[in-house]
Amino acid sequence: MTAEGVEKIVRVACVQMEPEISATEKNVAVSVGRIKEAAAAGAQLIVLPELCNTGYVFRDRDEAMALAEPVPSGPTCDAWSAIAAKLSLHLVAGISERDGEDLFNSAVVIGPDGYLATYRKVHLWDKENLIFKPGNLGFPVVDTPVGKIGTFICYDTWFAESYRLCAVQGADIICLPTNWVPIPGQDPSREAMANILCMASAHTNGVFVAAADRVGEERGQPFIGQSLIVNHTGWPIGGPATYDEEEIIYADCNLHDARRHRVWNEYNRVLHDRRID
């Protein structure tokens, strides 16, 4: 485990890809190829987009149910666990989860020794509400040899509580599988609102953020790319990626800084200074 006071440089990668709706076997194979590419570039912690095994725009709940898998016993988790073990890395990835008759928009955390945790999306976006149940597992933070990993998904970014609940549990880095869509009123000359939210939340909580978005258009829904990695002060250190190209972005993160620099000065510590009364 990463001990307090020990410097730990971790190469983080965010895979920006274009899943194909309903093509689970193909999508998983592509994701494994991207994981291998990132690992060859030295990545130790790799983040994949939201619902990257199935695609996002389901016609209806029946289609989503047919594509969803149990976690962690389904074939997608098996494939990701196998490559994580082979390459000795940690992985956070979005997956369509089936639990009995319930469906969840989920993310799994996987390490070299296998499955570690599941996060189920708490804040559902638009027609997700017709398909998925809101998450019921809280905001897990997993203590791993590369650091303390928190995770949530896409629209959760718009809620300050998501970051804060991970930060108060000691998260060093938030890994964020996402499928960002265009926001009304977005100034095309400015960074995406989602990027601004990641930067601001990293700063106000003293955590790194690694957001892996998808690109392309699916059943008429465009996605905006711009995956990025942000340091604990809120400034991008990897990306933002392009709007429309598949690519992998990287950053070397000293995750110990997430703990050390929550102390701003002699008198101020960003989490301690909260007035919870």
C-alpha atoms as a PDB file:
ATOM      1  CA  MET A   1       0.000   0.000   0.000  1.00  0.00           C
ATOM      2  CA  THR A   2       1.043   3.592  -0.520  1.00  0.00           C
ATOM      3  CA  ALA A   3       2.264   4.822   2.840  1.00  0.00           C
ATOM      4  CA  GLU A   4       1.915   8.383   4.089  1.00  0.00           C
ATOM      5  CA  GLY A   5       5.084  10.306   3.371  1.00  0.00           C
ATOM      6  CA  VAL A   6       6.158   8.121   0.442  1.00  0.00           C
ATOM      7  CA  GLU A   7       6.282   9.663  -3.026  1.00  0.00           C
ATOM      8  CA  LYS A   8       4.313   7.634  -5.545  1.00  0.00           C
ATOM      9  CA  ILE A   9       4.427   8.560  -9.222  1.00  0.00           C
ATOM     10  CA  VAL A  10       1.674   6.776 -11.134  1.00  0.00           C
ATOM     11  CA  ARG A  11       1.203   7.011 -14.896  1.00  0.00           C
ATOM     12  CA  VAL A  12      -2.521   7.423 -15.487  1.00  0.00           C
ATOM     13  CA  ALA A  13      -4.163   6.891 -18.885  1.00  0.00           C
ATOM     14  CA  CYS A  14      -7.634   7.824 -20.100  1.00  0.00           C
ATOM     15  CA  VAL A  15      -8.833   5.897 -23.142  1.00  0.00           C
ATOM     16  CA  GLN A  16     -11.078   7.977 -25.413  1.00  0.00           C
ATOM     17  CA  MET A  17     -12.872   5.536 -27.702  1.00  0.00           C
ATOM     18  CA  GLU A  18     -16.063   5.097 -29.721  1.00  0.00           C
ATOM     19  CA  PRO A  19     -18.064   2.064 -28.592  1.00  0.00           C
ATOM     20  CA  GLU A  20     -20.607   0.630 -31.005  1.00  0.00           C
ATOM     21  CA  ILE A  21     -24.133   0.092 -29.698  1.00  0.00           C
ATOM     22  CA  SER A  22     -24.989  -3.590 -29.109  1.00  0.00           C
ATOM     23  CA  ALA A  23     -21.528  -4.769 -30.263  1.00  0.00           C
ATOM     24  CA  THR A  24     -20.311  -5.929 -26.861  1.00  0.00           C
ATOM     25  CA  GLU A  25     -17.790  -8.518 -28.000  1.00  0.00           C
ATOM     26  CA  LYS A  26     -16.222  -6.039 -30.438  1.00  0.00           C
ATOM     27  CA  ASN A  27     -16.196  -3.219 -27.902  1.00  0.00           C
ATOM     28  CA  VAL A  28     -14.510  -5.331 -25.252  1.00  0.00           C
ATOM     29  CA  ALA A  29     -11.898  -6.532 -27.744  1.00  0.00           C
ATOM     30  CA  VAL A  30     -11.181  -2.919 -28.735  1.00  0.00           C
ATOM     31  CA  SER A  31     -10.935  -1.891 -25.091  1.00  0.00           C
ATOM     32  CA  VAL A  32      -8.440  -4.670 -24.372  1.00  0.00           C
ATOM     33  CA  GLY A  33      -6.338  -3.507 -27.315  1.00  0.00           C
ATOM     34  CA  ARG A  34      -6.359   0.068 -25.966  1.00  0.00           C
ATOM     35  CA  ILE A  35      -5.425  -1.195 -22.511  1.00  0.00           C
ATOM     36  CA  LYS A  36      -2.446  -3.020 -23.999  1.00  0.00           C
ATOM     37  CA  GLU A  37      -1.419   0.137 -25.854  1.00  0.00           C
ATOM     38  CA  ALA A  38      -1.630   2.239 -22.707  1.00  0.00           C
ATOM     39  CA  ALA A  39       0.270  -0.324 -20.653  1.00  0.00           C
ATOM     40  CA  ALA A  40       3.024  -0.400 -23.286  1.00  0.00           C
ATOM     41  CA  ALA A  41       3.347   3.358 -22.737  1.00  0.00           C
ATOM     42  CA  GLY A  42       3.835   2.778 -19.016  1.00  0.00           C
ATOM     43  CA  ALA A  43       0.288   3.302 -17.707  1.00  0.00           C
ATOM     44  CA  GLN A  44      -0.410   1.725 -14.322  1.00  0.00           C
ATOM     45  CA  LEU A  45      -3.963   3.055 -13.878  1.00  0.00           C
ATOM     46  CA  ILE A  46      -6.267   3.108 -16.922  1.00  0.00           C
ATOM     47  CA  VAL A  47      -9.747   4.625 -17.188  1.00  0.00           C
ATOM     48  CA  LEU A  48     -12.304   3.685 -19.874  1.00  0.00           C
ATOM     49  CA  PRO A  49     -15.565   5.490 -20.767  1.00  0.00           C
ATOM     50  CA  GLU A  50     -19.081   4.998 -19.430  1.00  0.00           C
ATOM     51  CA  LEU A  51     -20.942   1.926 -20.763  1.00  0.00           C
ATOM     52  CA  CYS A  52     -17.968   1.229 -23.010  1.00  0.00           C
ATOM     53  CA  ASN A  53     -18.827  -2.449 -23.370  1.00  0.00           C
ATOM     54  CA  THR A  54     -22.349  -1.978 -24.777  1.00  0.00           C
ATOM     55  CA  GLY A  55     -22.719   1.554 -26.089  1.00  0.00           C
ATOM     56  CA  TYR A  56     -25.057   4.108 -24.537  1.00  0.00           C
ATOM     57  CA  VAL A  57     -28.236   4.927 -26.490  1.00  0.00           C
ATOM     58  CA  PHE A  58     -30.443   1.901 -25.892  1.00  0.00           C
ATOM     59  CA  ARG A  59     -33.746   1.747 -27.769  1.00  0.00           C
ATOM     60  CA  ASP A  60     -35.496   0.559 -24.634  1.00  0.00           C
ATOM     61  CA  ARG A  61     -35.033  -1.340 -21.410  1.00  0.00           C
ATOM     62  CA  ASP A  62     -35.386  -4.705 -23.146  1.00  0.00           C
ATOM     63  CA  GLU A  63     -32.359  -3.990 -25.339  1.00  0.00           C
ATOM     64  CA  ALA A  64     -30.373  -2.842 -22.313  1.00  0.00           C
ATOM     65  CA  MET A  65     -31.364  -5.947 -20.357  1.00  0.00           C
ATOM     66  CA  ALA A  66     -30.253  -8.221 -23.191  1.00  0.00           C
ATOM     67  CA  LEU A  67     -26.819  -6.577 -23.257  1.00  0.00           C
ATOM     68  CA  ALA A  68     -26.212  -6.173 -19.528  1.00  0.00           C
ATOM     69  CA  GLU A  69     -24.087  -8.607 -17.504  1.00  0.00           C
ATOM     70  CA  PRO A  70     -23.697  -9.641 -13.889  1.00  0.00           C
ATOM     71  CA  VAL A  71     -20.733  -8.068 -12.109  1.00  0.00           C
ATOM     72  CA  PRO A  72     -18.120  -9.369 -11.604  1.00  0.00           C
ATOM     73  CA  SER A  73     -19.007 -12.778 -13.059  1.00  0.00           C
ATOM     74  CA  GLY A  74     -19.840 -11.694 -16.621  1.00  0.00           C
ATOM     75  CA  PRO A  75     -17.600 -12.039 -19.692  1.00  0.00           C
ATOM     76  CA  THR A  76     -16.639  -8.350 -19.810  1.00  0.00           C
ATOM     77  CA  CYS A  77     -15.265  -8.359 -16.273  1.00  0.00           C
ATOM     78  CA  ASP A  78     -13.549 -11.657 -17.029  1.00  0.00           C
ATOM     79  CA  ALA A  79     -11.763 -10.112 -20.023  1.00  0.00           C
ATOM     80  CA  TRP A  80     -10.771  -6.956 -18.142  1.00  0.00           C
ATOM     81  CA  SER A  81      -9.603  -8.956 -15.105  1.00  0.00           C
ATOM     82  CA  ALA A  82      -7.469 -11.184 -17.325  1.00  0.00           C
ATOM     83  CA  ILE A  83      -5.682  -8.277 -19.001  1.00  0.00           C
ATOM     84  CA  ALA A  84      -5.225  -6.455 -15.676  1.00  0.00           C
ATOM     85  CA  ALA A  85      -3.606  -9.575 -14.236  1.00  0.00           C
ATOM     86  CA  LYS A  86      -1.429 -10.172 -17.280  1.00  0.00           C
ATOM     87  CA  LEU A  87      -0.142  -6.585 -17.380  1.00  0.00           C
ATOM     88  CA  SER A  88      -0.202  -5.949 -13.615  1.00  0.00           C
ATOM     89  CA  LEU A  89      -2.314  -2.799 -13.749  1.00  0.00           C
ATOM     90  CA  HIS A  90      -5.413  -1.180 -12.312  1.00  0.00           C
ATOM     91  CA  LEU A  91      -8.472  -0.415 -14.403  1.00  0.00           C
ATOM     92  CA  VAL A  92     -11.690   1.582 -13.961  1.00  0.00           C
ATOM     93  CA  ALA A  93     -14.320   1.073 -16.661  1.00  0.00           C
ATOM     94  CA  GLY A  94     -17.996   1.685 -17.344  1.00  0.00           C
ATOM     95  CA  ILE A  95     -20.259  -1.339 -17.750  1.00  0.00           C
ATOM     96  CA  SER A  96     -23.964  -2.131 -18.097  1.00  0.00           C
ATOM     97  CA  GLU A  97     -24.754  -4.229 -15.033  1.00  0.00           C
ATOM     98  CA  ARG A  98     -27.624  -6.678 -14.499  1.00  0.00           C
ATOM     99  CA  ASP A  99     -28.500  -7.686 -10.941  1.00  0.00           C
ATOM    100  CA  GLY A 100     -31.519  -9.962 -11.113  1.00  0.00           C
ATOM    101  CA  GLU A 101     -34.239  -7.878 -12.777  1.00  0.00           C
ATOM    102  CA  ASP A 102     -32.481  -4.583 -11.976  1.00  0.00           C
ATOM    103  CA  LEU A 103     -30.200  -2.683 -14.336  1.00  0.00           C
ATOM    104  CA  PHE A 104     -27.457  -0.295 -13.275  1.00  0.00           C
ATOM    105  CA  ASN A 105     -25.128   2.052 -15.135  1.00  0.00           C
ATOM    106  CA  SER A 106     -21.992   0.956 -13.324  1.00  0.00           C
ATOM    107  CA  ALA A 107     -18.227   1.241 -13.138  1.00  0.00           C
ATOM    108  CA  VAL A 108     -15.901  -1.516 -11.993  1.00  0.00           C
ATOM    109  CA  VAL A 109     -12.525  -1.188 -10.326  1.00  0.00           C
ATOM    110  CA  ILE A 110     -10.192  -4.043 -11.203  1.00  0.00           C
ATOM    111  CA  GLY A 111      -6.602  -4.710 -10.121  1.00  0.00           C
ATOM    112  CA  PRO A 112      -3.904  -7.263 -10.908  1.00  0.00           C
ATOM    113  CA  ASP A 113      -5.511  -9.682  -8.454  1.00  0.00           C
ATOM    114  CA  GLY A 114      -8.998  -9.227  -9.902  1.00  0.00           C
ATOM    115  CA  TYR A 115     -12.221  -7.381  -9.168  1.00  0.00           C
ATOM    116  CA  LEU A 116     -12.136  -4.804  -6.355  1.00  0.00           C
ATOM    117  CA  ALA A 117     -15.357  -2.761  -6.331  1.00  0.00           C
ATOM    118  CA  THR A 118     -18.472  -1.619  -8.160  1.00  0.00           C
ATOM    119  CA  TYR A 119     -19.907   1.882  -8.330  1.00  0.00           C
ATOM    120  CA  ARG A 120     -23.518   2.289  -9.527  1.00  0.00           C
ATOM    121  CA  LYS A 121     -24.383   5.681 -11.027  1.00  0.00           C
ATOM    122  CA  VAL A 122     -26.340   7.699  -8.487  1.00  0.00           C
ATOM    123  CA  HIS A 123     -27.472  10.624 -10.662  1.00  0.00           C
ATOM    124  CA  LEU A 124     -29.135   9.331 -13.836  1.00  0.00           C
ATOM    125  CA  TRP A 125     -29.220  11.510 -16.961  1.00  0.00           C
ATOM    126  CA  ASP A 126     -32.279  11.984 -19.180  1.00  0.00           C
ATOM    127  CA  LYS A 127     -33.695   8.692 -20.536  1.00  0.00           C
ATOM    128  CA  GLU A 128     -31.341   6.662 -18.362  1.00  0.00           C
ATOM    129  CA  ASN A 129     -34.148   7.088 -15.835  1.00  0.00           C
ATOM    130  CA  LEU A 130     -36.330   4.812 -18.003  1.00  0.00           C
ATOM    131  CA  ILE A 131     -33.750   2.042 -18.060  1.00  0.00           C
ATOM    132  CA  PHE A 132     -31.559   2.019 -14.968  1.00  0.00           C
ATOM    133  CA  LYS A 133     -32.152   2.141 -11.237  1.00  0.00           C
ATOM    134  CA  PRO A 134     -30.280   4.840  -9.293  1.00  0.00           C
ATOM    135  CA  GLY A 135     -27.146   3.544  -7.644  1.00  0.00           C
ATOM    136  CA  ASN A 136     -27.408   2.009  -4.188  1.00  0.00           C
ATOM    137  CA  LEU A 137     -23.785   1.227  -3.256  1.00  0.00           C
ATOM    138  CA  GLY A 138     -22.621   4.687  -2.217  1.00  0.00           C
ATOM    139  CA  PHE A 139     -19.279   6.099  -3.372  1.00  0.00           C
ATOM    140  CA  PRO A 140     -16.608   3.437  -2.791  1.00  0.00           C
ATOM    141  CA  VAL A 141     -12.962   4.376  -2.331  1.00  0.00           C
ATOM    142  CA  VAL A 142     -10.535   1.519  -2.883  1.00  0.00           C
ATOM    143  CA  ASP A 143      -7.092   1.495  -1.267  1.00  0.00           C
ATOM    144  CA  THR A 144      -4.672   0.030  -3.827  1.00  0.00           C
ATOM    145  CA  PRO A 145      -0.904  -0.087  -4.316  1.00  0.00           C
ATOM    146  CA  VAL A 146      -1.190   2.799  -6.814  1.00  0.00           C
ATOM    147  CA  GLY A 147      -3.254   4.974  -4.465  1.00  0.00           C
ATOM    148  CA  LYS A 148      -6.741   5.428  -3.062  1.00  0.00           C
ATOM    149  CA  ILE A 149      -9.161   5.298  -5.996  1.00  0.00           C
ATOM    150  CA  GLY A 150     -12.645   6.810  -5.961  1.00  0.00           C
ATOM    151  CA  THR A 151     -15.012   6.601  -8.892  1.00  0.00           C
ATOM    152  CA  PHE A 152     -18.325   7.845 -10.193  1.00  0.00           C
ATOM    153  CA  ILE A 153     -19.912   8.418 -13.606  1.00  0.00           C
ATOM    154  CA  CYS A 154     -20.664  11.348 -15.944  1.00  0.00           C
ATOM    155  CA  TYR A 155     -23.631  13.370 -14.569  1.00  0.00           C
ATOM    156  CA  ASP A 156     -22.416  12.684 -11.018  1.00  0.00           C
ATOM    157  CA  THR A 157     -19.767  15.318 -11.829  1.00  0.00           C
ATOM    158  CA  TRP A 158     -22.456  18.008 -11.597  1.00  0.00           C
ATOM    159  CA  PHE A 159     -22.973  17.274  -7.893  1.00  0.00           C
ATOM    160  CA  ALA A 160     -20.408  18.534  -5.403  1.00  0.00           C
ATOM    161  CA  GLU A 161     -21.355  15.741  -3.008  1.00  0.00           C
ATOM    162  CA  SER A 162     -19.901  13.130  -5.349  1.00  0.00           C
ATOM    163  CA  TYR A 163     -16.396  14.531  -5.049  1.00  0.00           C
ATOM    164  CA  ARG A 164     -16.710  15.403  -1.392  1.00  0.00           C
ATOM    165  CA  LEU A 165     -17.888  11.923  -0.368  1.00  0.00           C
ATOM    166  CA  CYS A 166     -14.826  10.425  -2.057  1.00  0.00           C
ATOM    167  CA  ALA A 167     -12.442  13.062  -0.688  1.00  0.00           C
ATOM    168  CA  VAL A 168     -13.518  12.645   2.936  1.00  0.00           C
ATOM    169  CA  GLN A 169     -12.853   8.917   2.569  1.00  0.00           C
ATOM    170  CA  GLY A 170      -9.280   9.762   1.609  1.00  0.00           C
ATOM    171  CA  ALA A 171      -9.390   9.350  -2.183  1.00  0.00           C
ATOM    172  CA  ASP A 172      -6.221  10.427  -3.975  1.00  0.00           C
ATOM    173  CA  ILE A 173      -7.757  10.258  -7.436  1.00  0.00           C
ATOM    174  CA  ILE A 174     -11.279  10.195  -8.856  1.00  0.00           C
ATOM    175  CA  CYS A 175     -11.565   7.980 -11.939  1.00  0.00           C
ATOM    176  CA  LEU A 176     -14.483   9.130 -14.045  1.00  0.00           C
ATOM    177  CA  PRO A 177     -15.926   7.007 -16.867  1.00  0.00           C
ATOM    178  CA  THR A 178     -18.197   9.354 -18.814  1.00  0.00           C
ATOM    179  CA  ASN A 179     -20.261   9.942 -21.962  1.00  0.00           C
ATOM    180  CA  TRP A 180     -20.451  13.740 -22.047  1.00  0.00           C
ATOM    181  CA  VAL A 181     -22.991  15.269 -24.426  1.00  0.00           C
ATOM    182  CA  PRO A 182     -23.248  18.863 -25.731  1.00  0.00           C
ATOM    183  CA  ILE A 183     -24.464  21.419 -23.184  1.00  0.00           C
ATOM    184  CA  PRO A 184     -26.848  24.181 -24.338  1.00  0.00           C
ATOM    185  CA  GLY A 185     -25.162  27.558 -24.543  1.00  0.00           C
ATOM    186  CA  GLN A 186     -21.643  26.148 -24.676  1.00  0.00           C
ATOM    187  CA  ASP A 187     -19.183  28.707 -26.054  1.00  0.00           C
ATOM    188  CA  PRO A 188     -17.256  26.764 -28.732  1.00  0.00           C
ATOM    189  CA  SER A 189     -14.135  28.815 -27.970  1.00  0.00           C
ATOM    190  CA  ARG A 190     -14.139  27.657 -24.343  1.00  0.00           C
ATOM    191  CA  GLU A 191     -13.333  24.340 -22.725  1.00  0.00           C
ATOM    192  CA  ALA A 192     -16.281  22.038 -22.095  1.00  0.00           C
ATOM    193  CA  MET A 193     -18.393  22.737 -19.007  1.00  0.00           C
ATOM    194  CA  ALA A 194     -17.587  19.193 -17.887  1.00  0.00           C
ATOM    195  CA  ASN A 195     -13.876  20.052 -18.006  1.00  0.00           C
ATOM    196  CA  ILE A 196     -14.487  23.160 -15.903  1.00  0.00           C
ATOM    197  CA  LEU A 197     -16.409  21.132 -13.328  1.00  0.00           C
ATOM    198  CA  CYS A 198     -13.625  18.540 -13.106  1.00  0.00           C
ATOM    199  CA  MET A 199     -11.020  21.270 -12.648  1.00  0.00           C
ATOM    200  CA  ALA A 200     -13.013  23.144 -10.004  1.00  0.00           C
ATOM    201  CA  SER A 201     -13.878  20.000  -8.057  1.00  0.00           C
ATOM    202  CA  ALA A 202     -10.296  18.746  -8.099  1.00  0.00           C
ATOM    203  CA  HIS A 203      -9.200  22.095  -6.694  1.00  0.00           C
ATOM    204  CA  THR A 204     -11.844  22.354  -3.971  1.00  0.00           C
ATOM    205  CA  ASN A 205     -11.268  18.785  -2.772  1.00  0.00           C
ATOM    206  CA  GLY A 206      -7.528  18.378  -3.327  1.00  0.00           C
ATOM    207  CA  VAL A 207      -7.857  15.291  -5.526  1.00  0.00           C
ATOM    208  CA  PHE A 208      -6.626  14.218  -8.938  1.00  0.00           C
ATOM    209  CA  VAL A 209      -9.338  13.563 -11.544  1.00  0.00           C
ATOM    210  CA  ALA A 210      -9.045  11.262 -14.574  1.00  0.00           C
ATOM    211  CA  ALA A 211     -12.055  11.562 -16.892  1.00  0.00           C
ATOM    212  CA  ALA A 212     -12.343   9.195 -19.877  1.00  0.00           C
ATOM    213  CA  ASP A 213     -15.011  10.257 -22.365  1.00  0.00           C
ATOM    214  CA  ARG A 214     -16.236   8.686 -25.593  1.00  0.00           C
ATOM    215  CA  VAL A 215     -16.499  10.223 -29.059  1.00  0.00           C
ATOM    216  CA  GLY A 216     -18.738   9.781 -32.089  1.00  0.00           C
ATOM    217  CA  GLU A 217     -22.482   9.819 -32.624  1.00  0.00           C
ATOM    218  CA  GLU A 218     -24.852   7.038 -31.624  1.00  0.00           C
ATOM    219  CA  ARG A 219     -28.466   6.886 -32.835  1.00  0.00           C
ATOM    220  CA  GLY A 220     -28.432  10.629 -33.353  1.00  0.00           C
ATOM    221  CA  GLN A 221     -26.771  11.491 -30.023  1.00  0.00           C
ATOM    222  CA  PRO A 222     -23.373  13.207 -30.396  1.00  0.00           C
ATOM    223  CA  PHE A 223     -20.647  12.955 -27.754  1.00  0.00           C
ATOM    224  CA  ILE A 224     -18.000  15.587 -27.118  1.00  0.00           C
ATOM    225  CA  GLY A 225     -14.732  13.824 -26.225  1.00  0.00           C
ATOM    226  CA  GLN A 226     -12.270  16.120 -24.423  1.00  0.00           C
ATOM    227  CA  SER A 227     -11.110  13.518 -21.916  1.00  0.00           C
ATOM    228  CA  LEU A 228      -8.687  15.007 -19.425  1.00  0.00           C
ATOM    229  CA  ILE A 229      -6.534  14.402 -16.366  1.00  0.00           C
ATOM    230  CA  VAL A 230      -6.421  17.106 -13.692  1.00  0.00           C
ATOM    231  CA  ASN A 231      -4.026  17.452 -10.776  1.00  0.00           C
ATOM    232  CA  HIS A 232      -4.913  18.167  -7.161  1.00  0.00           C
ATOM    233  CA  THR A 233      -4.689  21.937  -7.717  1.00  0.00           C
ATOM    234  CA  GLY A 234      -7.279  21.811 -10.507  1.00  0.00           C
ATOM    235  CA  TRP A 235      -5.053  22.292 -13.551  1.00  0.00           C
ATOM    236  CA  PRO A 236      -5.024  19.879 -16.522  1.00  0.00           C
ATOM    237  CA  ILE A 237      -1.892  17.753 -16.753  1.00  0.00           C
ATOM    238  CA  GLY A 238      -3.156  15.413 -19.490  1.00  0.00           C
ATOM    239  CA  GLY A 239      -5.373  16.561 -22.359  1.00  0.00           C
ATOM    240  CA  PRO A 240      -7.983  17.739 -22.900  1.00  0.00           C
ATOM    241  CA  ALA A 241      -8.243  15.304 -25.775  1.00  0.00           C
ATOM    242  CA  THR A 242      -9.859  16.199 -29.086  1.00  0.00           C
ATOM    243  CA  TYR A 243     -13.607  16.546 -29.633  1.00  0.00           C
ATOM    244  CA  ASP A 244     -13.919  13.737 -32.151  1.00  0.00           C
ATOM    245  CA  GLU A 245     -10.892  11.435 -32.319  1.00  0.00           C
ATOM    246  CA  GLU A 246     -10.139   8.176 -30.555  1.00  0.00           C
ATOM    247  CA  GLU A 247      -6.944   8.614 -28.553  1.00  0.00           C
ATOM    248  CA  ILE A 248      -5.249   7.931 -25.233  1.00  0.00           C
ATOM    249  CA  ILE A 249      -4.069  10.716 -22.947  1.00  0.00           C
ATOM    250  CA  TYR A 250      -1.482  10.266 -20.195  1.00  0.00           C
ATOM    251  CA  ALA A 251      -0.212  12.023 -17.105  1.00  0.00           C
ATOM    252  CA  ASP A 252       2.381  11.148 -14.480  1.00  0.00           C
ATOM    253  CA  CYS A 253       0.709  11.852 -11.148  1.00  0.00           C
ATOM    254  CA  ASN A 254       2.378  12.140  -7.763  1.00  0.00           C
ATOM    255  CA  LEU A 255      -0.682  10.935  -5.898  1.00  0.00           C
ATOM    256  CA  HIS A 256       0.880  11.742  -2.536  1.00  0.00           C
ATOM    257  CA  ASP A 257       0.324  15.398  -3.449  1.00  0.00           C
ATOM    258  CA  ALA A 258      -3.423  14.818  -3.112  1.00  0.00           C
ATOM    259  CA  ARG A 259      -2.876  14.291   0.613  1.00  0.00           C
ATOM    260  CA  ARG A 260      -0.004  16.690   1.235  1.00  0.00           C
ATOM    261  CA  HIS A 261      -1.544  19.677  -0.533  1.00  0.00           C
ATOM    262  CA  ARG A 262      -4.947  19.447   1.065  1.00  0.00           C
ATOM    263  CA  VAL A 263      -3.002  21.573   3.578  1.00  0.00           C
ATOM    264  CA  TRP A 264      -2.900  24.961   1.823  1.00  0.00           C
ATOM    265  CA  ASN A 265      -0.903  26.809   4.475  1.00  0.00           C
ATOM    266  CA  GLU A 266      -0.262  26.962   8.211  1.00  0.00           C
ATOM    267  CA  TYR A 267      -3.907  27.786   8.891  1.00  0.00           C
ATOM    268  CA  ASN A 268      -5.993  26.208   6.115  1.00  0.00           C
ATOM    269  CA  ARG A 269      -6.805  22.621   5.229  1.00  0.00           C
ATOM    270  CA  VAL A 270      -9.466  22.349   2.548  1.00  0.00           C
ATOM    271  CA  LEU A 271     -11.411  19.452   4.070  1.00  0.00           C
ATOM    272  CA  HIS A 272     -10.799  20.317   7.705  1.00  0.00           C
ATOM    273  CA  ASP A 273     -12.043  23.901   7.204  1.00  0.00           C
ATOM    274  CA  ARG A 274     -15.560  22.809   6.219  1.00  0.00           C
ATOM    275  CA  ARG A 275     -18.237  24.131   8.576  1.00  0.00           C
ATOM    276  CA  ILE A 276     -20.201  20.906   8.923  1.00  0.00           C
ATOM    277  CA  ASP A 277     -22.180  22.483  11.769  1.00  0.00           C
END
